[in-house]
Amino acid sequence: MKEREPDPIEYTMPGTLGQSIYNTLKKAILENKMKAGQKINEKEIADSFKVSRTPVREALVRLEAEGFAKITSHRDVVVKECSYEELTDIFQVIGILDGLAATLVIDKIDSKEFIKIEKMMAKLEHCYHQKDIEKYIDMKCAIHNRIWDHLTNKYLQKTLKNCLTHIRRCYYTLNSVVYKKEIIDISMKAHKDILEALKKKDKKKLKFLIQNQWNPPLL
C-alpha cells in the first residue's frame, strides 16, 4: 500500500499584511493604547488598513496564541487582562532563566560593554529620582535586553525577551501593585547591587541577585 504523502507546509512570509497588522496591534497593547478588556473590532481594523478581514484574523489568531488577546464566550476578541497571579507565574520562570543567562554572559561583557551598561544604569537611576516610573520600567527592560543580546543561546534569549514583553504589559494593568514607592526603592537598590556584581565578575552573587530581583512583587 502506497504511503500517504504529508500535507504541504504553509509558510507565512514576513512583511505580509497580517504581520503589519499584528505589529501595530501588539504595539498598541504594550503601550496601553488598547486597554485590557477592550474589544478589538475586526471590521474597523480591516477598514483602517483598507484590507479584507483575512489578514486581520491572522493577526488576531497570533495575538491570542501569544497571550495578548482572548476570545470571549460571545466570540468577541478582546485585549487580555493580566492578573497578579499571571505576573507572579512569569516572575517565577524569568527568575530561573535570567539567573542562568547571567552565568552565560558574564564573561562575554568586556570593559567597553560594561561602560555602556553603566551609563544605562545611570539613566535608570535618573528616572528613579525623577519618579518617572514608566521611563524607569522602559530603561530597566532596555538594560535586560542589552545583557541578553550577548547570549549565544538564542532560544533562551527569545524566551527571556518574550517573558519581559508580557511583564511590561502586566505593569500597565497592575500599576497599583508595582508602582508603590517601597517597591521602586528595593528595585533600584537591587540593580545597583547587580551592576557591582557584574563589574566584579562575581558569577555566584550575580546569579543570586538576578534571581532574587524577580521575586514578586519587585520590578
Protein backbone atom coordinates (compact mmCIF):
# COMPACT_ATOMS: atom_id res chain seq x y z
CA MET A 1 0.00 0.00 0.00
CA LYS A 2 1.39 3.36 -1.02
CA GLU A 3 2.14 5.68 1.88
CA ARG A 4 0.15 8.88 2.00
CA GLU A 5 2.24 11.92 1.23
CA PRO A 6 2.36 14.50 4.01
CA ASP A 7 0.35 17.67 3.58
CA PRO A 8 2.37 20.62 2.32
CA ILE A 9 3.52 23.09 4.95
CA GLU A 10 2.08 26.56 4.64
CA TYR A 11 4.50 29.36 5.32
CA THR A 12 3.62 32.93 6.23
CA MET A 13 6.25 35.24 4.85
CA PRO A 14 7.46 38.18 6.95
CA GLY A 15 6.29 41.61 5.88
CA THR A 16 2.78 40.46 4.99
CA LEU A 17 -0.34 42.48 5.76
CA GLY A 18 -1.06 40.14 8.67
CA GLN A 19 2.42 40.84 10.09
CA SER A 20 1.96 44.61 9.78
CA ILE A 21 -1.44 44.50 11.50
CA TYR A 22 -0.06 42.20 14.20
CA ASN A 23 2.85 44.58 14.87
CA THR A 24 0.52 47.59 15.07
CA LEU A 25 -1.94 45.92 17.44
CA LYS A 26 0.77 44.44 19.66
CA LYS A 27 2.49 47.81 19.97
CA ALA A 28 -0.81 49.45 20.92
CA ILE A 29 -1.44 46.80 23.58
CA LEU A 30 2.08 47.07 25.03
CA GLU A 31 1.86 50.86 25.16
CA ASN A 32 -1.55 50.62 26.85
CA LYS A 33 -3.24 52.44 23.98
CA MET A 34 -5.54 49.44 23.76
CA LYS A 35 -6.74 48.75 27.29
CA ALA A 36 -7.24 45.40 29.00
CA GLY A 37 -10.75 44.14 28.26
CA GLN A 38 -11.17 46.41 25.24
CA LYS A 39 -12.89 44.82 22.25
CA ILE A 40 -10.75 44.50 19.12
CA ASN A 41 -13.08 45.31 16.25
CA GLU A 42 -12.11 43.20 13.26
CA LYS A 43 -14.11 45.28 10.75
CA GLU A 44 -12.75 48.61 11.98
CA ILE A 45 -9.17 47.37 11.72
CA ALA A 46 -9.78 45.98 8.23
CA ASP A 47 -11.28 49.30 7.14
CA SER A 48 -8.40 51.22 8.71
CA PHE A 49 -5.80 49.18 6.80
CA LYS A 50 -8.03 49.04 3.70
CA VAL A 51 -7.77 45.25 3.58
CA SER A 52 -10.07 42.26 3.83
CA ARG A 53 -10.70 40.64 7.20
CA THR A 54 -8.39 37.70 6.41
CA PRO A 55 -5.06 39.34 7.40
CA VAL A 56 -6.79 40.86 10.44
CA ARG A 57 -7.88 37.41 11.57
CA GLU A 58 -4.30 36.15 11.04
CA ALA A 59 -3.03 38.89 13.34
CA LEU A 60 -5.70 38.24 15.98
CA VAL A 61 -5.03 34.50 15.99
CA ARG A 62 -1.34 35.18 16.61
CA LEU A 63 -2.09 37.70 19.37
CA GLU A 64 -4.36 35.18 21.06
CA ALA A 65 -1.74 32.43 20.80
CA GLU A 66 0.84 34.71 22.44
CA GLY A 67 -1.49 35.71 25.27
CA PHE A 68 -2.21 39.31 24.28
CA ALA A 69 -5.83 38.73 23.26
CA LYS A 70 -8.60 36.30 24.07
CA ILE A 71 -11.91 35.18 22.59
CA THR A 72 -14.93 35.71 24.84
CA SER A 73 -17.96 33.45 25.18
CA HIS A 74 -19.71 35.76 22.70
CA ARG A 75 -16.92 35.17 20.15
CA ASP A 76 -15.61 38.70 20.54
CA VAL A 77 -11.85 39.27 20.59
CA VAL A 78 -10.67 41.48 23.46
CA VAL A 79 -7.33 42.59 24.89
CA LYS A 80 -6.41 40.03 27.53
CA GLU A 81 -6.28 41.24 31.10
CA CYS A 82 -3.21 40.49 33.21
CA SER A 83 -3.71 39.21 36.74
CA TYR A 84 -1.29 39.42 39.64
CA GLU A 85 -1.18 35.60 39.62
CA GLU A 86 -0.06 35.64 35.97
CA LEU A 87 2.65 38.16 36.78
CA THR A 88 4.00 36.04 39.65
CA ASP A 89 3.98 32.96 37.40
CA ILE A 90 6.06 34.81 34.79
CA PHE A 91 8.42 36.07 37.51
CA GLN A 92 8.99 32.50 38.68
CA VAL A 93 10.02 31.45 35.18
CA ILE A 94 12.08 34.51 34.24
CA GLY A 95 13.91 34.45 37.58
CA ILE A 96 15.35 30.99 36.93
CA LEU A 97 16.14 31.68 33.27
CA ASP A 98 17.66 35.11 33.91
CA GLY A 99 19.90 33.60 36.59
CA LEU A 100 21.10 31.08 34.01
CA ALA A 101 21.60 33.83 31.44
CA ALA A 102 23.77 35.78 33.89
CA THR A 103 26.19 32.88 34.26
CA LEU A 104 26.41 32.53 30.46
CA VAL A 105 27.05 36.18 29.58
CA ILE A 106 29.13 37.48 32.48
CA ASP A 107 32.42 36.58 30.79
CA LYS A 108 31.25 38.00 27.44
CA ILE A 109 30.77 41.52 28.79
CA ASP A 110 34.09 43.34 28.38
CA SER A 111 35.07 46.71 29.83
CA LYS A 112 33.69 48.70 26.88
CA GLU A 113 30.34 46.98 27.08
CA PHE A 114 30.26 47.38 30.86
CA ILE A 115 30.67 51.14 30.45
CA LYS A 116 27.63 51.20 28.15
CA ILE A 117 25.57 49.22 30.67
CA GLU A 118 26.83 51.51 33.44
CA LYS A 119 25.56 54.54 31.50
CA MET A 120 22.17 52.86 31.08
CA MET A 121 22.10 52.21 34.83
CA ALA A 122 22.79 55.92 35.40
CA LYS A 123 19.75 56.75 33.26
CA LEU A 124 17.73 54.24 35.27
CA GLU A 125 18.72 55.96 38.48
CA HIS A 126 17.83 59.35 36.96
CA CYS A 127 14.32 58.07 36.16
CA TYR A 128 14.11 56.76 39.72
CA HIS A 129 14.97 60.15 41.24
CA GLN A 130 12.59 61.89 38.83
CA LYS A 131 9.86 59.45 39.91
CA ASP A 132 9.18 58.75 36.23
CA ILE A 133 8.11 55.15 36.75
CA GLU A 134 7.11 54.38 33.16
CA LYS A 135 10.51 55.51 31.86
CA TYR A 136 12.12 53.63 34.75
CA ILE A 137 10.42 50.43 33.58
CA ASP A 138 11.39 51.11 29.95
CA MET A 139 15.04 51.62 30.90
CA LYS A 140 15.04 48.53 33.13
CA CYS A 141 13.77 46.46 30.22
CA ALA A 142 16.36 48.01 27.89
CA ILE A 143 19.16 47.03 30.29
CA HIS A 144 17.96 43.43 30.47
CA ASN A 145 17.66 43.24 26.70
CA ARG A 146 21.16 44.70 26.30
CA ILE A 147 22.63 42.00 28.56
CA TRP A 148 20.62 39.22 26.90
CA ASP A 149 21.88 40.32 23.47
CA HIS A 150 25.18 38.67 24.46
CA LEU A 151 23.56 35.24 24.75
CA THR A 152 24.65 32.71 22.14
CA ASN A 153 21.71 30.50 23.17
CA LYS A 154 19.08 32.19 21.01
CA TYR A 155 16.23 30.04 22.32
CA LEU A 156 16.96 31.22 25.86
CA GLN A 157 17.29 34.79 24.60
CA LYS A 158 13.94 34.65 22.78
CA THR A 159 12.18 33.11 25.79
CA LEU A 160 13.52 35.77 28.17
CA LYS A 161 12.53 38.62 25.88
CA ASN A 162 9.06 37.15 25.42
CA CYS A 163 8.63 36.91 29.21
CA LEU A 164 9.75 40.52 29.58
CA THR A 165 7.23 41.66 26.95
CA HIS A 166 4.39 40.13 28.97
CA ILE A 167 5.75 41.63 32.18
CA ARG A 168 5.68 45.13 30.66
CA ARG A 169 2.06 44.58 29.66
CA CYS A 170 1.22 43.48 33.21
CA TYR A 171 2.87 46.59 34.67
CA TYR A 172 0.36 48.82 32.91
CA THR A 173 -2.67 46.93 34.17
CA LEU A 174 -1.33 46.34 37.69
CA ASN A 175 0.18 49.75 38.37
CA SER A 176 -1.47 49.94 41.80
CA VAL A 177 0.68 46.96 42.80
CA VAL A 178 4.02 47.55 41.09
CA TYR A 179 4.23 51.37 41.24
CA LYS A 180 4.47 51.57 45.03
CA LYS A 181 7.41 53.65 46.26
CA GLU A 182 8.82 50.95 48.53
CA ILE A 183 8.90 48.51 45.59
CA ILE A 184 10.72 51.01 43.37
CA ASP A 185 13.23 51.70 46.17
CA ILE A 186 14.03 48.00 46.55
CA SER A 187 14.25 47.59 42.78
CA MET A 188 16.74 50.44 42.42
CA LYS A 189 18.97 49.08 45.17
CA ALA A 190 18.85 45.60 43.61
CA HIS A 191 20.02 46.98 40.26
CA LYS A 192 22.92 48.82 41.88
CA ASP A 193 24.00 45.57 43.54
CA ILE A 194 23.67 43.71 40.23
CA LEU A 195 25.88 46.30 38.49
CA GLU A 196 28.54 45.87 41.19
CA ALA A 197 28.48 42.07 40.91
CA LEU A 198 28.72 42.36 37.13
CA LYS A 199 31.72 44.66 37.47
CA LYS A 200 33.49 42.23 39.80
CA LYS A 201 32.58 39.24 37.61
CA ASP A 202 31.13 37.57 40.69
CA LYS A 203 29.09 34.88 38.94
CA LYS A 204 27.61 33.30 42.05
CA LYS A 205 26.47 36.60 43.58
CA LEU A 206 25.19 37.91 40.25
CA LYS A 207 23.04 34.83 39.73
CA PHE A 208 21.60 35.13 43.24
CA LEU A 209 20.85 38.85 42.89
CA ILE A 210 19.20 38.49 39.49
CA GLN A 211 17.03 35.59 40.57
CA ASN A 212 16.07 37.40 43.77
CA GLN A 213 15.08 40.61 41.97
CA TRP A 214 12.29 38.74 40.20
CA ASN A 215 10.66 37.75 43.48
CA PRO A 216 7.11 39.21 43.41
CA PRO A 217 6.15 41.95 43.53
CA LEU A 218 9.51 43.51 42.63
CA LEU A 219 10.17 45.30 39.36
